Protein backbone atom coordinates (compact mmCIF):
# COMPACT_ATOMS: atom_id res chain seq x y z
CA MET A 1 189.24 -1.51 -7.91
CA ILE A 2 189.02 -3.31 -11.27
CA ARG A 3 188.35 -1.24 -14.38
CA LEU A 4 187.04 -2.81 -17.57
CA LYS A 5 186.83 -0.85 -20.85
CA GLU A 6 185.39 -1.99 -24.17
CA SER A 7 184.26 -0.20 -27.35
CA ILE A 8 182.09 -1.25 -30.29
CA GLN A 9 180.82 0.28 -33.53
CA VAL A 10 177.27 -0.58 -34.62
CA ARG A 11 175.32 0.36 -37.75
CA LYS A 12 172.10 1.46 -36.00
CA ASN A 13 171.26 5.15 -35.48
CA ILE A 14 172.04 6.71 -32.12
CA ASN A 15 168.40 7.20 -31.08
CA PHE A 16 167.63 3.50 -31.31
CA VAL A 17 170.96 2.46 -29.77
CA PHE A 18 170.60 4.74 -26.76
CA ASP A 19 166.96 3.81 -26.08
CA TYR A 20 167.70 0.09 -26.26
CA THR A 21 170.91 0.12 -24.21
CA SER A 22 169.61 2.42 -21.47
CA ASP A 23 166.68 0.07 -20.75
CA PHE A 24 168.47 -2.27 -18.34
CA SER A 25 165.39 -4.50 -18.08
CA ARG A 26 166.64 -5.96 -21.42
CA ILE A 27 170.28 -6.49 -20.45
CA GLN A 28 169.88 -10.28 -20.26
CA GLU A 29 169.29 -10.22 -24.03
CA TRP A 30 172.89 -9.20 -24.67
CA ASP A 31 174.91 -9.94 -21.51
CA PRO A 32 175.42 -13.72 -21.02
CA GLY A 33 176.39 -13.05 -17.40
CA VAL A 34 172.88 -11.83 -16.54
CA ILE A 35 170.04 -14.28 -15.94
CA SER A 36 167.26 -11.76 -15.42
CA SER A 37 166.60 -8.04 -14.93
CA LYS A 38 163.45 -6.27 -13.84
CA ALA A 39 162.60 -2.60 -13.43
CA VAL A 40 161.52 -1.92 -9.85
CA GLU A 41 158.99 0.64 -11.10
CA PRO A 42 157.57 0.57 -14.66
CA GLY A 43 158.12 3.60 -16.83
CA ARG A 44 160.63 5.30 -19.07
CA THR A 45 164.27 5.13 -18.03
CA GLY A 46 165.73 8.24 -16.39
CA VAL A 47 167.69 9.40 -13.38
CA GLY A 48 166.50 7.38 -10.39
CA SER A 49 165.33 4.33 -12.37
CA VAL A 50 166.15 1.12 -10.49
CA TYR A 51 166.71 -2.41 -11.84
CA ASP A 52 167.07 -5.70 -9.95
CA LEU A 53 169.44 -8.13 -11.69
CA LYS A 54 170.29 -11.76 -11.05
CA LEU A 55 173.76 -12.67 -12.28
CA LYS A 56 175.37 -15.91 -13.42
CA PHE A 57 178.73 -16.27 -11.63
CA GLY A 58 179.82 -19.90 -11.92
CA PHE A 59 177.45 -21.88 -9.71
CA PHE A 60 176.41 -18.82 -7.77
CA ARG A 61 173.50 -16.49 -8.57
CA PRO A 62 174.33 -13.18 -6.88
CA LYS A 63 171.86 -10.32 -7.03
CA ILE A 64 172.71 -6.70 -7.76
CA GLN A 65 170.56 -3.58 -7.85
CA TYR A 66 171.40 -0.87 -10.39
CA ARG A 67 170.29 2.76 -10.12
CA VAL A 68 170.59 5.28 -12.96
CA VAL A 69 172.59 8.23 -11.61
CA GLU A 70 173.21 10.12 -14.87
CA TYR A 71 171.03 10.18 -17.97
CA GLN A 72 171.97 12.30 -21.02
CA PRO A 73 169.87 11.20 -24.03
CA ASN A 74 171.96 10.03 -26.97
CA ALA A 75 175.16 10.91 -25.11
CA LYS A 76 175.82 9.27 -21.75
CA LEU A 77 174.36 6.80 -19.26
CA VAL A 78 175.78 6.09 -15.80
CA LEU A 79 174.43 3.38 -13.49
CA LYS A 80 175.59 2.48 -10.00
CA GLY A 81 175.18 -1.11 -8.87
CA ARG A 82 175.34 -2.53 -5.37
CA ALA A 83 175.54 -6.20 -4.40
CA GLU A 84 176.32 -7.99 -1.17
CA SER A 85 180.07 -8.27 -1.79
CA PHE A 86 180.83 -5.71 -4.51
CA THR A 87 179.78 -2.46 -6.16
CA ALA A 88 179.85 -1.54 -9.84
CA MET A 89 179.76 1.74 -11.74
CA ASP A 90 178.77 1.37 -15.41
CA THR A 91 179.51 4.36 -17.65
CA ILE A 92 178.23 4.11 -21.23
CA GLN A 93 178.94 6.86 -23.77
CA PHE A 94 177.36 7.15 -27.22
CA GLN A 95 178.60 9.04 -30.28
CA ALA A 96 176.97 9.22 -33.71
CA ASP A 97 179.09 9.05 -36.85
CA ASN A 98 178.72 8.40 -40.57
CA THR A 99 178.46 4.63 -40.15
CA GLY A 100 176.13 4.48 -37.15
CA THR A 101 176.97 4.72 -33.46
CA ARG A 102 180.08 4.22 -31.38
CA ILE A 103 179.60 2.87 -27.84
CA ASP A 104 182.31 3.19 -25.18
CA TYR A 105 181.56 1.04 -22.14
CA GLN A 106 183.47 1.31 -18.87
CA VAL A 107 182.80 -0.67 -15.68
CA ASP A 108 184.51 0.00 -12.34
CA ILE A 109 184.13 -2.89 -9.90
CA GLU A 110 185.12 -2.77 -6.25
CA PHE A 111 184.95 -5.82 -3.98
CA SER A 112 184.62 -6.02 -0.23
CA GLY A 113 185.45 -8.82 2.19
CA VAL A 114 186.85 -11.98 0.61
CA GLY A 115 186.40 -10.67 -2.92
CA LYS A 116 188.64 -7.67 -2.27
CA TYR A 117 191.46 -9.93 -1.17
CA LEU A 118 191.12 -12.03 -4.32
CA GLU A 119 190.82 -9.15 -6.82
CA PRO A 120 194.13 -9.97 -8.60
CA CYS A 121 192.91 -13.47 -9.42
CA LEU A 122 189.52 -12.23 -10.61
CA VAL A 123 190.82 -9.67 -13.12
CA PRO A 124 191.20 -12.00 -16.15
CA ILE A 125 187.82 -13.60 -15.50
CA LEU A 126 186.02 -10.28 -15.27
CA LYS A 127 187.79 -8.92 -18.34
CA GLN A 128 186.50 -11.85 -20.36
CA THR A 129 183.03 -11.35 -18.88
CA GLY A 130 183.06 -7.71 -19.97
CA LYS A 131 184.23 -8.62 -23.45
CA ASP A 132 181.46 -11.23 -23.78
CA ALA A 133 178.86 -8.66 -22.70
CA ILE A 134 179.85 -5.91 -25.13
CA GLN A 135 180.11 -8.41 -27.98
CA GLY A 136 176.61 -9.56 -27.08
CA LEU A 137 175.36 -5.98 -27.29
CA GLU A 138 176.97 -5.58 -30.70
CA ARG A 139 175.40 -8.83 -31.87
CA VAL A 140 171.91 -7.78 -30.77
CA LEU A 141 172.11 -4.26 -32.21
CA ASP A 142 173.58 -5.26 -35.57
CA HIS A 143 172.04 -8.68 -36.12
CA GLY A 144 169.04 -8.86 -33.79
CA THR A 145 170.21 -12.12 -32.17
CA SER A 146 170.39 -12.61 -28.41
CA ALA A 147 173.64 -13.48 -26.69
CA PRO A 148 174.20 -17.23 -26.49
CA PHE A 149 174.45 -19.18 -23.26
CA GLY A 150 178.18 -18.81 -22.64
CA ARG A 151 180.58 -21.31 -24.19
CA GLU A 152 179.79 -24.81 -25.34
CA TRP A 153 178.58 -26.90 -22.40
CA PHE A 154 179.92 -30.24 -23.53
CA ARG A 155 183.22 -30.62 -25.32
CA SER A 156 184.70 -33.61 -27.09
CA GLY A 157 186.51 -35.86 -24.64
CA SER A 158 184.98 -34.47 -21.45
CA ASN A 159 181.65 -34.37 -19.70
CA GLY A 160 179.60 -31.57 -18.18
CA LEU A 161 181.18 -31.91 -14.74
CA ASP A 162 184.66 -31.53 -16.20
CA TRP A 163 183.57 -28.49 -18.20
CA LEU A 164 182.20 -26.85 -15.08
CA ALA A 165 185.34 -27.56 -13.08
CA ASP A 166 187.51 -26.10 -15.84
CA HIS A 167 185.50 -23.02 -16.75
CA ALA A 168 183.98 -21.89 -13.44
CA ILE A 169 187.34 -20.65 -12.22
CA VAL A 170 186.19 -18.13 -9.61
CA PRO A 171 187.84 -19.16 -6.30
CA GLY A 172 185.52 -21.22 -4.14
CA MET A 173 183.38 -22.48 -7.04
CA LEU A 174 181.35 -25.54 -6.26
CA MET A 175 183.50 -28.07 -8.11
CA PHE A 176 186.55 -26.97 -6.10
CA SER A 177 184.64 -27.31 -2.83
CA ARG A 178 183.67 -30.33 -0.76
CA PHE A 179 180.40 -30.45 -2.70
CA GLY A 180 182.31 -30.92 -5.95
CA TYR A 181 184.32 -33.71 -4.37
CA ASP A 182 181.18 -35.48 -3.17
CA LEU A 183 179.60 -35.15 -6.60
CA SER A 184 182.66 -36.43 -8.47
CA LYS A 185 183.09 -39.37 -6.10
CA ARG A 186 179.81 -40.86 -7.25
CA PHE A 187 181.32 -41.60 -10.66
CA TRP A 188 184.47 -43.42 -9.47
CA THR A 189 184.46 -47.05 -10.53
CA GLU A 190 188.14 -48.08 -10.51
CA PRO A 191 189.29 -50.58 -7.87
CA LYS A 192 191.38 -49.34 -4.96
CA THR A 193 194.97 -48.41 -5.75
CA SER A 194 197.93 -50.48 -4.64
CA LEU A 195 201.22 -49.09 -3.34
CA TYR A 196 202.40 -52.20 -1.50
CA GLY A 197 206.19 -52.22 -1.27
CA LYS A 198 206.63 -49.05 -3.34
CA GLN A 199 209.26 -46.50 -2.31
CA VAL A 200 207.51 -43.14 -2.03
CA VAL A 201 209.15 -39.77 -1.37
CA LEU A 202 206.71 -37.07 -0.24
CA THR A 203 207.60 -33.43 0.38
CA GLY A 204 205.68 -31.32 2.88
CA GLY A 205 204.15 -34.27 4.70
CA THR A 206 203.83 -32.87 8.22
CA SER A 207 200.61 -30.86 7.86
CA GLY A 208 197.54 -30.30 5.73
CA ILE A 209 197.17 -32.18 2.45
CA GLY A 210 200.65 -33.68 2.65
CA LYS A 211 200.04 -35.15 6.08
CA ALA A 212 196.74 -36.66 4.97
CA ALA A 213 198.45 -38.16 1.91
CA ALA A 214 201.24 -39.57 4.10
CA PHE A 215 198.75 -41.49 6.27
CA LYS A 216 196.93 -42.92 3.24
CA ILE A 217 200.16 -43.94 1.53
CA ALA A 218 201.42 -45.65 4.69
CA GLU A 219 198.08 -47.45 5.07
CA LYS A 220 198.75 -49.02 1.66
CA GLN A 221 202.01 -50.45 3.04
CA ALA A 222 204.40 -48.37 0.99
CA PHE A 223 207.92 -47.48 2.10
CA LEU A 224 207.47 -43.78 2.83
CA THR A 225 210.07 -41.02 3.20
CA ILE A 226 208.79 -37.60 4.22
CA VAL A 227 210.93 -34.57 3.37
CA ALA A 228 210.20 -31.86 5.94
CA ARG A 229 211.71 -28.68 7.33
CA ASN A 230 210.76 -29.05 11.01
CA ARG A 231 212.39 -32.00 12.78
CA LYS A 232 210.06 -31.99 15.77
CA LYS A 233 206.95 -32.08 13.60
CA ALA A 234 208.48 -34.76 11.36
CA GLU A 235 209.26 -36.99 14.34
CA GLN A 236 205.72 -36.61 15.69
CA VAL A 237 204.07 -37.35 12.33
CA GLN A 238 206.33 -40.35 11.78
CA GLN A 239 205.37 -41.74 15.20
CA ASP A 240 201.65 -41.12 14.63
CA ILE A 241 201.69 -42.78 11.20
CA ILE A 242 203.49 -45.87 12.45
CA GLU A 243 201.16 -46.24 15.44
CA LYS A 244 197.92 -45.72 13.47
CA THR A 245 198.76 -47.64 10.29
CA GLY A 246 200.96 -50.39 11.66
CA ASN A 247 203.49 -49.68 8.89
CA PRO A 248 207.02 -49.40 10.36
CA ASN A 249 208.57 -48.39 7.02
CA VAL A 250 208.22 -44.63 7.52
CA ASP A 251 211.22 -42.32 7.81
CA PHE A 252 211.95 -38.67 7.20
CA LEU A 253 214.63 -36.33 5.88
CA ILE A 254 215.11 -32.73 7.02
CA ALA A 255 215.55 -30.05 4.35
CA ASP A 256 214.39 -26.50 3.65
CA LEU A 257 212.96 -26.83 0.16
CA SER A 258 213.32 -23.11 -0.53
CA LEU A 259 217.12 -23.55 -0.39
CA MET A 260 218.82 -25.21 -3.34
CA LYS A 261 221.77 -26.21 -1.12
CA ASP A 262 219.46 -28.15 1.19
CA ILE A 263 217.70 -29.71 -1.78
CA ARG A 264 220.96 -30.94 -3.27
CA GLN A 265 222.04 -32.48 0.04
CA ALA A 266 218.67 -34.18 0.48
CA ALA A 267 218.66 -35.50 -3.08
CA THR A 268 222.20 -36.84 -2.74
CA ARG A 269 221.24 -38.69 0.43
CA LEU A 270 218.08 -40.12 -1.10
CA CYS A 271 219.91 -41.35 -4.18
CA HIS A 272 222.52 -43.03 -1.99
CA THR A 273 220.18 -44.61 0.58
CA LYS A 274 217.33 -45.70 -1.71
CA LYS A 275 217.97 -48.24 -4.44
CA LYS A 276 215.19 -46.66 -6.39
CA ILE A 277 212.30 -44.23 -6.00
CA ASP A 278 208.97 -45.44 -7.35
CA VAL A 279 206.90 -42.33 -6.60
CA LEU A 280 207.96 -38.72 -6.03
CA ILE A 281 205.23 -36.43 -4.72
CA ASN A 282 206.06 -32.72 -4.92
CA ASN A 283 203.57 -31.42 -2.39
CA ALA A 284 205.49 -28.82 -0.35
CA GLY A 285 204.53 -25.23 -1.10
CA ALA A 286 203.39 -22.02 0.52
CA LEU A 287 201.75 -18.66 -0.18
CA PHE A 288 203.56 -15.61 1.21
CA ASN A 289 201.72 -12.29 1.39
CA GLU A 290 204.91 -10.23 1.63
CA ARG A 291 207.77 -10.32 -0.85
CA GLN A 292 210.76 -12.00 0.80
CA LYS A 293 214.10 -13.43 -0.23
CA THR A 294 215.75 -16.67 0.83
CA PRO A 295 219.28 -16.65 2.29
CA GLU A 296 220.41 -17.57 -1.21
CA GLY A 297 218.90 -14.33 -2.52
CA VAL A 298 215.93 -15.82 -4.42
CA GLU A 299 212.35 -14.57 -4.08
CA LEU A 300 210.70 -16.93 -1.62
CA THR A 301 207.52 -17.90 -3.50
CA PHE A 302 209.44 -18.70 -6.67
CA ALA A 303 212.14 -20.59 -4.74
CA THR A 304 209.68 -22.70 -2.73
CA ASP A 305 206.88 -23.33 -5.19
CA LEU A 306 208.68 -23.64 -8.53
CA LEU A 307 212.48 -23.55 -8.57
CA GLY A 308 212.82 -25.99 -5.67
CA VAL A 309 210.37 -28.42 -7.23
CA PHE A 310 212.30 -28.28 -10.50
CA TYR A 311 215.69 -28.82 -8.83
CA LEU A 312 214.62 -31.69 -6.55
CA THR A 313 212.86 -33.54 -9.37
CA MET A 314 215.82 -33.23 -11.73
CA LEU A 315 218.26 -34.42 -9.06
CA LEU A 316 216.10 -37.46 -8.21
CA LYS A 317 215.58 -38.42 -11.83
CA PRO A 318 218.36 -41.10 -11.79
CA ALA A 319 216.71 -42.83 -8.79
CA LEU A 320 213.32 -42.62 -10.48
CA ALA A 321 214.75 -44.08 -13.69
CA ARG A 322 215.90 -47.16 -11.73
CA SER A 323 212.28 -47.98 -10.95
CA ASN A 324 210.11 -49.97 -13.30
CA GLY A 325 207.37 -47.44 -14.06
CA ALA A 326 208.13 -44.57 -11.67
CA ARG A 327 205.69 -41.70 -11.18
CA ILE A 328 206.10 -38.01 -10.43
CA ILE A 329 203.08 -36.18 -8.99
CA SER A 330 203.23 -32.43 -8.46
CA VAL A 331 200.58 -30.50 -6.54
CA SER A 332 199.44 -27.36 -8.33
CA SER A 333 196.40 -25.18 -7.66
CA GLY A 334 193.17 -24.17 -9.34
CA GLY A 335 194.39 -20.60 -8.91
CA MET A 336 196.89 -21.20 -11.71
CA TYR A 337 193.99 -20.91 -14.18
CA THR A 338 193.96 -17.15 -13.61
CA GLN A 339 197.62 -16.51 -14.46
CA LYS A 340 200.05 -16.75 -17.35
CA ILE A 341 203.70 -17.58 -16.78
CA ASP A 342 206.06 -14.61 -17.14
CA VAL A 343 209.45 -16.13 -17.94
CA LEU A 344 211.10 -12.71 -17.71
CA ASP A 345 209.79 -12.04 -14.20
CA LEU A 346 209.86 -15.35 -12.36
CA GLU A 347 210.80 -13.57 -9.10
CA ASN A 348 207.82 -11.20 -9.26
CA ARG A 349 209.83 -7.99 -9.34
CA ARG A 350 207.52 -5.95 -11.58
CA GLY A 351 204.73 -3.92 -10.07
CA GLU A 352 203.21 -4.40 -6.65
CA TYR A 353 203.86 -7.82 -5.14
CA LYS A 354 200.69 -9.82 -4.51
CA GLY A 355 201.10 -13.16 -2.78
CA ALA A 356 198.11 -14.86 -4.40
CA LYS A 357 199.27 -13.83 -7.88
CA ALA A 358 202.87 -14.96 -7.28
CA TYR A 359 201.62 -18.29 -5.95
CA ALA A 360 199.31 -18.82 -8.93
CA ARG A 361 202.13 -18.04 -11.37
CA ALA A 362 204.41 -20.56 -9.69
CA LYS A 363 201.68 -23.20 -9.84
CA ARG A 364 201.19 -22.43 -13.54
CA GLY A 365 204.91 -23.12 -13.91
CA ILE A 366 204.45 -26.52 -12.22
CA VAL A 367 201.88 -27.51 -14.83
CA ILE A 368 204.18 -26.43 -17.65
CA LEU A 369 207.07 -28.42 -16.15
CA THR A 370 204.81 -31.46 -15.88
CA GLN A 371 204.22 -31.39 -19.62
CA ILE A 372 207.91 -30.87 -20.36
CA TRP A 373 208.95 -33.72 -18.07
CA ALA A 374 206.29 -36.01 -19.51
CA GLN A 375 208.02 -35.85 -22.89
CA ALA A 376 211.59 -35.76 -21.62
CA PHE A 377 211.19 -38.71 -19.20
CA ARG A 378 209.05 -40.92 -21.42
CA LYS A 379 212.05 -42.94 -22.59
CA ASP A 380 212.85 -43.77 -18.95
CA GLY A 381 209.36 -45.11 -18.33
CA ILE A 382 208.54 -42.30 -15.88
CA THR A 383 204.92 -41.08 -15.75
CA VAL A 384 204.45 -37.42 -14.79
CA HIS A 385 201.22 -35.76 -13.66
CA ALA A 386 200.07 -32.58 -11.92
CA MET A 387 196.92 -32.16 -9.90
CA HIS A 388 195.03 -29.62 -7.88
CA PRO A 389 193.31 -30.63 -4.67
CA GLY A 390 190.44 -28.14 -4.76
CA TRP A 391 189.89 -25.65 -1.95
CA VAL A 392 191.05 -27.38 1.23
CA ASN A 393 190.81 -26.46 4.90
CA THR A 394 194.48 -26.38 5.91
CA PRO A 395 196.60 -24.29 8.31
CA GLY A 396 198.22 -22.76 5.22
CA ILE A 397 195.02 -21.30 3.81
CA GLN A 398 193.89 -20.11 7.23
CA GLY A 399 197.14 -18.21 7.71
CA ALA A 400 197.73 -16.89 4.18
CA LEU A 401 194.12 -16.10 3.17
CA PRO A 402 192.24 -15.39 6.42
CA GLU A 403 189.44 -13.34 4.81
CA PHE A 404 188.87 -15.96 2.13
CA TYR A 405 188.87 -18.67 4.79
CA GLN A 406 186.28 -16.86 6.87
CA GLY A 407 184.03 -16.42 3.84
CA VAL A 408 184.05 -19.97 2.52
CA ASN A 409 185.26 -22.22 5.35
CA LYS A 410 181.99 -24.15 5.39
CA MET A 411 182.57 -25.15 1.76
CA LEU A 412 186.20 -26.21 2.08
CA ARG A 413 187.33 -29.79 1.63
CA THR A 414 188.99 -31.81 4.34
CA PRO A 415 192.73 -32.50 3.91
CA GLU A 416 191.84 -36.14 3.22
CA GLN A 417 189.57 -35.12 0.34
CA GLY A 418 192.25 -32.83 -1.02
CA ALA A 419 194.84 -35.61 -0.83
CA ASP A 420 192.68 -38.25 -2.50
CA THR A 421 193.79 -37.62 -6.09
CA ILE A 422 197.46 -37.53 -5.02
CA VAL A 423 197.24 -41.02 -3.57
CA TRP A 424 195.15 -42.24 -6.48
CA LEU A 425 197.67 -40.97 -9.04
CA ALA A 426 200.47 -42.68 -7.13
CA GLY A 427 199.04 -46.17 -7.61
CA SER A 428 196.19 -46.09 -10.13
CA ALA A 429 196.51 -48.32 -13.17
CA ARG A 430 194.48 -45.84 -15.19
CA ALA A 431 196.71 -42.90 -14.24
CA GLY A 432 199.72 -44.90 -15.41
CA GLN A 433 198.30 -45.20 -18.93
CA SER A 434 198.90 -41.52 -19.74
CA THR A 435 201.40 -38.82 -18.85
CA GLY A 436 201.63 -35.04 -18.67
CA ARG A 437 198.06 -34.42 -17.55
CA PHE A 438 196.39 -32.14 -15.00
CA TRP A 439 193.92 -33.79 -12.61
CA LEU A 440 191.10 -32.89 -10.24
CA ASP A 441 189.09 -35.56 -8.43
CA ARG A 442 190.62 -38.41 -10.46
CA ARG A 443 189.73 -36.85 -13.81
CA PRO A 444 192.02 -35.03 -16.29
CA HIS A 445 191.22 -31.39 -17.02
CA GLU A 446 192.25 -28.58 -19.30
CA THR A 447 195.19 -26.44 -18.24
CA ALA A 448 194.29 -23.12 -19.88
CA VAL A 449 190.74 -21.87 -20.35
CA LEU A 450 191.00 -18.09 -19.98
CA PRO A 451 192.28 -16.08 -22.95
CA GLY A 452 195.92 -15.13 -22.70
CA THR A 453 196.91 -17.63 -19.98
CA ALA A 454 198.32 -20.40 -22.17
CA GLU A 455 202.05 -20.30 -22.82
CA SER A 456 203.67 -20.47 -26.24
CA GLU A 457 206.33 -23.01 -27.19
CA GLN A 458 208.89 -20.24 -26.90
CA GLU A 459 207.74 -19.41 -23.38
CA ARG A 460 207.78 -23.06 -22.41
CA GLN A 461 211.38 -23.37 -23.59
CA GLY A 462 212.16 -20.05 -21.94
CA LEU A 463 210.93 -21.32 -18.56
CA TRP A 464 213.12 -24.41 -18.88
CA ASP A 465 216.17 -22.32 -19.79
CA GLN A 466 215.57 -19.82 -16.99
CA LEU A 467 215.24 -22.52 -14.33
CA ASN A 468 218.44 -24.19 -15.45
CA ALA A 469 220.22 -20.83 -15.50
CA PHE A 470 219.04 -19.98 -11.97
CA VAL A 471 220.54 -23.16 -10.59
CA SER A 472 223.81 -23.34 -12.49
CA GLN A 473 224.70 -19.68 -13.10
CA ARG A 474 223.09 -17.53 -10.42
CA LEU A 475 223.36 -19.99 -7.53
CA GLY A 476 226.45 -21.79 -8.73
CA MET A 477 224.98 -25.21 -8.03
CA PRO A 478 226.37 -28.25 -9.88
CA GLY A 479 224.66 -28.94 -13.19
CA ILE A 480 221.67 -31.22 -13.58
C-alpha cells in the first residue's frame, strides 16, 4: 500500500471549504490528474454518494468510481475509490482556526496485478501527483483559479514527443512501448550508420537486446567481440551471426561480469589482443528479485549493473584512447527516472530489498557515470553516451517481472527495436557531435524529471569515490 499525506491552510471559512471539497463532481477544477467527474445521482453530497472519474495517467485514461463512506459536516470526509487495477481511500479532515481552515488530506492506494509488483517505482510519481492535487485545491480556494494542465508541454530545446517520453514515467507508457518506437521512427532523417572495420566490444550479447545489437553490428561489417558468461550460448550466437551476416570477424570472450576478477582478466586480454577498441557497449545487466551476494561478497545487482560496468570501462580506457574517436555506450533503463542514487547504500542494505528498486538505482548510477566520463575522457577524444531501450520483450523481463510481462506483453518492443539506438549511437555522425547525453529512440532526453531524483555535485563525486574504493580497498583489485 502507498500512503500519501498533504496539508494546506486556506483563508476561506470552514463551511465554504467543506461544501466545495466534498462535492467530488468538481474535483477536476483543482486536481490536474482528473479529466472529468460526474455524480451518478444528482443531489447533495452525503454517505452513499457516488462519483465516476476519468483520470489522466500518462497516455492512459483509467476510470475510477468513488463512494462517500463517511460524511461529517465541517469535520471529516472519507471516500473509497475502486478502479480496474487499484483501490484508493481518500480521508479529508477539516479544522477551523483564526486564519481560515486547515485541510489534512490522506490517500491510501493499493494496486493489484502488475501495478502491485511495480509499487516501489510508482511511489515518487504518485507523491508528486498528490502534491499537485492539494496545491490545486489551495489555489482554487484562495485565489479562485483552476489547476493548470500539468507542467509546460513544450520546453526549450525539445519537442512534444520528447516531453512525453521524459515526463510520462509510469512503466509501460506509450513512448516506452513499441507504439512509441513506431511514432519516433517517422521523424528519423539521418543516413544509415557506418561501422565498417570498427572494433566493437559488446557485453551481454547472447540474448535479448544485446543479441539483436550483435547481429546489426556484424551486418555493418564491424569487428565484433562479444563478452559473455555462457560459453555454449556464445559459441552458438557466434556461429549464427557469421552464417547470417557473412561477417567472419566475430569472436567472443568468456567472463562473469559480476566478478571483478573476471572483469580484470577479460580487460587485460582485450587490451593485449586488440590494437584499439573503437566502440565499447556496456549492455550486460540483470534484475534480481532476491538479495544475493557474489563470491566476492558484493551485492549482486550492484556488482552486475553498476560496479562491473565502471570497472570494465576504466580498464579498457587505454585501448579506447588508442582509437581515433572512440565511443562508449551504456544501456540504462527508463526505470531509473523513479530513483535517486544513494551513495551511502550502493549495496541496498537498508530496508526491505526490492529488485526493481535496486535495478533502477544501479541504472541511475550508469547515467551519472556517463556524465562523469564524458568530461573526464573528452581530452582523449572519447564520446560517452547512455541510452534506454524502452520496454522490450526479452527473456530477462519475462523471468524477472512475470506479472508486468503478462499485463503489457502486447505493447512491448522487439529486441531489434530496443537495440536500434545502441547501434545508431555506435556509428552515427550526429551522436558523435555531443557527449554525456541520455538517449531514447535516437533523441536525447532529460535525466531527472521527478523531484528529489537528481543528484548533487557532492553525490556525484561521492559515487565516483565509492566505486573506486570498492575496487581498490574492499576487493583489493589493482588500481585504475
